[in-house]
């Protein structure tokens, strides 16, 4: 097994463990963090990205994408030349996200039964829009991921930002995307972050869990892929180094 596979798997697992974990802490009944609010959730996801990147790098993934939309954008920009490696990394990211969600389920095991709100249970695992309008929801995910990829490109080309500092800036970027653009859909901006945990929600024996809303699932999968390519395209037209 390639080291980048292990790195992407463990990095995305870490991302999802902390990210879905902070949502569980905020939404599930009788949790210490219940009603922590959106600022708590966005901060948790920002920190999750930082530590997910560090774990991915330490485990063998130099690029540490932990996001299929970023991986595909890099293939589009010819940073990756092997399409099979791209597919392998995406599988690793989805699998890692699934495992991270599974660990969150175990960590909060007594709280699922105490929580009556089925939507809150789903939102621990997957994104769900506040106003369900598929075209608008899709546009929101496209914009969020476009900004993510474009600004990552700016960070990578800035000689004042070292490789050691980059994960912190990417975490801050995810934080500000959540604070500014995340309200309508819950800002997946990462197909693995939604697909892996949504699969976990479907398969796990959650008490009174309700629907996994697969009719909506294409939005947080397709939207980030499209947004990533648009962000990469804009970047390549304006600058040269990613």
Protein backbone atom coordinates (compact mmCIF):
# COMPACT_ATOMS: atom_id res chain seq x y z
CA UNK A 1 0.00 0.00 0.00
CA UNK A 2 1.37 3.44 -0.94
CA UNK A 3 2.32 5.84 1.84
CA UNK A 4 0.18 8.60 0.36
CA UNK A 5 -2.84 6.29 0.71
CA UNK A 6 -2.13 5.75 4.40
CA UNK A 7 -1.48 9.45 4.91
CA UNK A 8 -4.71 10.55 3.20
CA UNK A 9 -6.68 7.87 5.06
CA UNK A 10 -5.39 8.82 8.51
CA UNK A 11 -5.44 12.55 7.80
CA UNK A 12 -9.07 12.51 6.65
CA UNK A 13 -9.98 10.26 9.57
CA UNK A 14 -8.52 12.88 11.93
CA UNK A 15 -10.33 15.69 10.12
CA UNK A 16 -13.67 13.92 10.38
CA UNK A 17 -13.17 12.72 13.93
CA UNK A 18 -12.65 16.25 15.22
CA UNK A 19 -15.08 17.90 12.79
CA UNK A 20 -18.03 15.57 13.24
CA UNK A 21 -17.09 15.36 16.91
CA UNK A 22 -17.57 19.08 17.48
CA UNK A 23 -20.97 18.93 15.75
CA UNK A 24 -21.98 16.01 17.99
CA UNK A 25 -20.82 17.92 21.06
CA UNK A 26 -22.92 20.92 20.01
CA UNK A 27 -26.12 19.19 18.83
CA UNK A 28 -26.58 16.01 20.87
CA UNK A 29 -28.59 16.09 24.07
CA UNK A 30 -26.85 16.03 27.46
CA UNK A 31 -23.45 16.74 25.94
CA UNK A 32 -21.24 19.23 27.80
CA UNK A 33 -21.10 21.38 24.67
CA UNK A 34 -24.82 21.31 23.85
CA UNK A 35 -26.00 24.55 22.19
CA UNK A 36 -22.40 25.67 21.64
CA UNK A 37 -23.46 27.32 18.39
CA UNK A 38 -22.06 27.96 14.94
CA UNK A 39 -18.87 29.64 16.14
CA UNK A 40 -18.00 26.51 18.12
CA UNK A 41 -18.65 24.29 15.10
CA UNK A 42 -16.65 26.39 12.63
CA UNK A 43 -13.75 26.68 15.06
CA UNK A 44 -13.74 22.92 15.59
CA UNK A 45 -13.67 22.24 11.85
CA UNK A 46 -10.85 24.75 11.34
CA UNK A 47 -8.70 23.04 13.98
CA UNK A 48 -9.68 19.66 12.53
CA UNK A 49 -8.22 20.69 9.18
CA UNK A 50 -4.94 21.79 10.77
CA UNK A 51 -4.39 18.56 12.66
CA UNK A 52 -5.70 16.44 9.79
CA UNK A 53 -3.04 17.93 7.51
CA UNK A 54 -0.28 17.33 10.07
CA UNK A 55 -1.33 13.70 10.52
CA UNK A 56 -1.51 13.14 6.74
CA UNK A 57 1.96 14.58 6.25
CA UNK A 58 3.46 12.58 9.12
CA UNK A 59 1.89 9.37 7.79
CA UNK A 60 3.34 9.76 4.30
CA UNK A 61 1.17 12.10 2.22
CA UNK A 62 3.37 15.04 1.29
CA UNK A 63 0.53 16.97 -0.35
CA UNK A 64 -1.92 16.19 2.50
CA UNK A 65 -5.04 17.08 0.50
CA UNK A 66 -7.56 15.30 2.81
CA UNK A 67 -10.18 16.50 0.32
CA UNK A 68 -11.09 14.87 -3.04
CA UNK A 69 -11.98 18.26 -4.55
CA UNK A 70 -8.46 19.52 -3.83
CA UNK A 71 -6.95 16.29 -5.17
CA UNK A 72 -8.94 16.55 -8.41
CA UNK A 73 -8.02 20.24 -8.77
CA UNK A 74 -4.34 19.35 -8.47
CA UNK A 75 -4.76 16.70 -11.16
CA UNK A 76 -6.43 19.32 -13.36
CA UNK A 77 -3.42 21.59 -12.76
CA UNK A 78 -1.07 18.68 -13.61
CA UNK A 79 0.44 18.61 -10.13
CA UNK A 80 -0.61 14.95 -10.21
CA UNK A 81 0.01 13.07 -13.46
CA UNK A 82 -1.27 9.62 -12.47
CA UNK A 83 -5.06 9.42 -12.57
CA UNK A 84 -5.05 6.07 -10.76
CA UNK A 85 -3.19 7.70 -7.88
CA UNK A 86 -5.92 10.35 -7.75
CA UNK A 87 -8.63 7.68 -7.56
CA UNK A 88 -6.65 5.81 -4.89
CA UNK A 89 -6.32 8.98 -2.82
CA UNK A 90 -10.04 9.71 -3.09
CA UNK A 91 -10.87 6.18 -1.91
CA UNK A 92 -8.50 6.68 1.02
CA UNK A 93 -10.13 10.01 1.90
CA UNK A 94 -13.66 8.57 1.82
CA UNK A 95 -12.59 5.55 3.87
CA UNK A 96 -10.84 7.73 6.43
CA UNK A 97 -13.90 9.97 6.74
CA UNK A 98 -16.08 6.90 7.30
CA UNK A 99 -13.79 5.66 10.08
CA UNK A 100 -13.68 9.09 11.72
CA UNK A 101 -17.48 9.21 11.80
CA UNK A 102 -17.59 5.69 13.23
CA UNK A 103 -15.33 6.75 16.11
CA UNK A 104 -17.57 9.77 16.82
CA UNK A 105 -20.57 7.43 16.99
CA UNK A 106 -18.77 5.31 19.57
CA UNK A 107 -17.60 8.33 21.59
CA UNK A 108 -21.16 9.64 21.92
CA UNK A 109 -22.85 6.25 22.21
CA UNK A 110 -25.34 7.06 25.06
CA UNK A 111 -26.31 10.42 23.55
CA UNK A 112 -27.97 9.14 20.38
CA UNK A 113 -30.76 7.61 22.41
CA UNK A 114 -31.21 10.83 24.41
CA UNK A 115 -31.52 12.96 21.26
CA UNK A 116 -34.98 13.01 19.66
CA UNK A 117 -34.16 15.38 16.80
CA UNK A 118 -33.48 13.18 13.76
CA UNK A 119 -32.06 16.04 11.72
CA UNK A 120 -29.54 16.86 14.42
CA UNK A 121 -28.38 13.25 14.38
CA UNK A 122 -27.89 13.43 10.62
CA UNK A 123 -26.09 16.76 10.86
CA UNK A 124 -23.45 15.21 13.11
CA UNK A 125 -22.51 13.09 10.09
CA UNK A 126 -23.50 15.00 6.97
CA UNK A 127 -24.42 18.47 5.79
CA UNK A 128 -28.04 19.57 5.54
CA UNK A 129 -29.23 22.92 4.12
CA UNK A 130 -31.27 25.37 6.16
CA UNK A 131 -33.37 26.22 3.08
CA UNK A 132 -33.59 23.25 0.74
CA UNK A 133 -33.26 24.62 -2.79
CA UNK A 134 -30.99 22.35 -4.78
CA UNK A 135 -29.78 24.93 -7.35
CA UNK A 136 -28.97 27.47 -4.62
CA UNK A 137 -27.44 24.83 -2.35
CA UNK A 138 -25.28 23.59 -5.21
CA UNK A 139 -24.18 27.14 -6.05
CA UNK A 140 -23.21 27.75 -2.42
CA UNK A 141 -21.02 24.62 -2.33
CA UNK A 142 -19.44 25.56 -5.67
CA UNK A 143 -18.60 29.06 -4.42
CA UNK A 144 -17.21 27.82 -1.10
CA UNK A 145 -14.91 25.26 -2.72
CA UNK A 146 -13.88 27.64 -5.48
CA UNK A 147 -12.70 30.07 -2.80
CA UNK A 148 -10.98 27.24 -0.90
CA UNK A 149 -8.92 26.07 -3.89
CA UNK A 150 -8.18 29.57 -5.18
CA UNK A 151 -6.87 30.81 -1.82
CA UNK A 152 -4.89 27.60 -1.21
CA UNK A 153 -3.20 28.42 -4.51
CA UNK A 154 -2.42 31.91 -3.23
CA UNK A 155 -0.99 30.51 -0.01
CA UNK A 156 1.15 27.98 -1.86
CA UNK A 157 2.68 30.67 -4.08
CA UNK A 158 3.48 33.06 -1.23
CA UNK A 159 7.18 32.79 -0.43
CA UNK A 160 6.57 34.24 3.04
CA UNK A 161 4.50 31.20 4.05
CA UNK A 162 6.67 28.19 4.79
CA UNK A 163 5.52 24.59 4.45
CA UNK A 164 5.43 24.35 8.25
CA UNK A 165 3.09 27.35 8.50
CA UNK A 166 0.76 26.36 5.64
CA UNK A 167 -1.58 24.04 7.62
CA UNK A 168 -2.37 26.85 10.05
CA UNK A 169 -3.32 29.21 7.24
CA UNK A 170 -5.46 26.55 5.53
CA UNK A 171 -7.25 25.99 8.84
CA UNK A 172 -7.90 29.74 9.12
CA UNK A 173 -9.17 29.70 5.54
CA UNK A 174 -11.66 26.92 6.31
CA UNK A 175 -12.70 28.83 9.43
CA UNK A 176 -13.49 32.03 7.53
CA UNK A 177 -15.31 30.09 4.79
CA UNK A 178 -17.50 28.53 7.47
CA UNK A 179 -18.15 31.87 9.14
CA UNK A 180 -18.91 33.73 5.93
CA UNK A 181 -20.29 31.20 3.43
CA UNK A 182 -21.20 28.16 5.52
CA UNK A 183 -24.63 29.18 6.77
CA UNK A 184 -26.83 28.05 3.85
CA UNK A 185 -25.58 24.46 3.49
CA UNK A 186 -23.21 23.73 6.36
CA UNK A 187 -20.23 24.06 3.97
CA UNK A 188 -19.13 20.56 3.05
CA UNK A 189 -16.52 21.93 0.58
CA UNK A 190 -15.16 18.37 0.70
CA UNK A 191 -16.94 15.37 -0.90
CA UNK A 192 -15.27 12.84 1.44
CA UNK A 193 -16.25 14.81 4.54
CA UNK A 194 -19.92 14.36 3.59
CA UNK A 195 -19.99 11.02 1.74
CA UNK A 196 -18.01 8.94 4.25
CA UNK A 197 -20.01 10.05 7.32
CA UNK A 198 -23.32 9.88 5.43
CA UNK A 199 -22.52 6.24 4.62
CA UNK A 200 -21.81 5.73 8.33
CA UNK A 201 -25.17 7.28 9.24
CA UNK A 202 -26.87 4.89 6.84
CA UNK A 203 -25.13 1.76 8.11
CA UNK A 204 -24.82 2.37 11.85
CA UNK A 205 -27.56 1.24 14.27
CA UNK A 206 -28.39 4.75 15.45
CA UNK A 207 -31.46 4.94 17.66
CA UNK A 208 -34.30 6.73 15.81
CA UNK A 209 -31.94 8.15 13.21
CA UNK A 210 -34.39 8.84 10.38
CA UNK A 211 -33.42 9.43 6.76
CA UNK A 212 -29.83 9.82 5.55
CA UNK A 213 -31.16 12.23 2.86
CA UNK A 214 -29.41 10.62 -0.08
CA UNK A 215 -31.61 12.72 -2.37
CA UNK A 216 -29.52 15.71 -1.28
CA UNK A 217 -26.14 13.94 -1.19
CA UNK A 218 -25.10 14.88 -4.73
CA UNK A 219 -24.94 18.57 -3.73
CA UNK A 220 -22.01 18.21 -1.27
CA UNK A 221 -20.32 15.76 -3.65
CA UNK A 222 -20.75 17.40 -7.06
CA UNK A 223 -20.62 20.99 -5.83
CA UNK A 224 -17.11 20.79 -4.32
CA UNK A 225 -15.73 18.96 -7.37
CA UNK A 226 -17.11 21.64 -9.71
CA UNK A 227 -16.02 24.47 -7.41
CA UNK A 228 -12.53 23.03 -7.09
CA UNK A 229 -12.05 22.91 -10.86
CA UNK A 230 -13.38 26.46 -11.26
CA UNK A 231 -11.07 27.71 -8.51
CA UNK A 232 -8.11 25.95 -10.11
CA UNK A 233 -9.05 27.35 -13.54
CA UNK A 234 -9.21 30.92 -12.26
CA UNK A 235 -5.91 30.42 -10.48
CA UNK A 236 -4.18 29.05 -13.58
CA UNK A 237 -5.39 32.03 -15.63
CA UNK A 238 -4.02 34.55 -13.15
CA UNK A 239 -0.94 32.89 -11.71
CA UNK A 240 1.36 30.04 -12.60
CA UNK A 241 2.55 28.41 -9.38
CA UNK A 242 0.23 26.28 -7.21
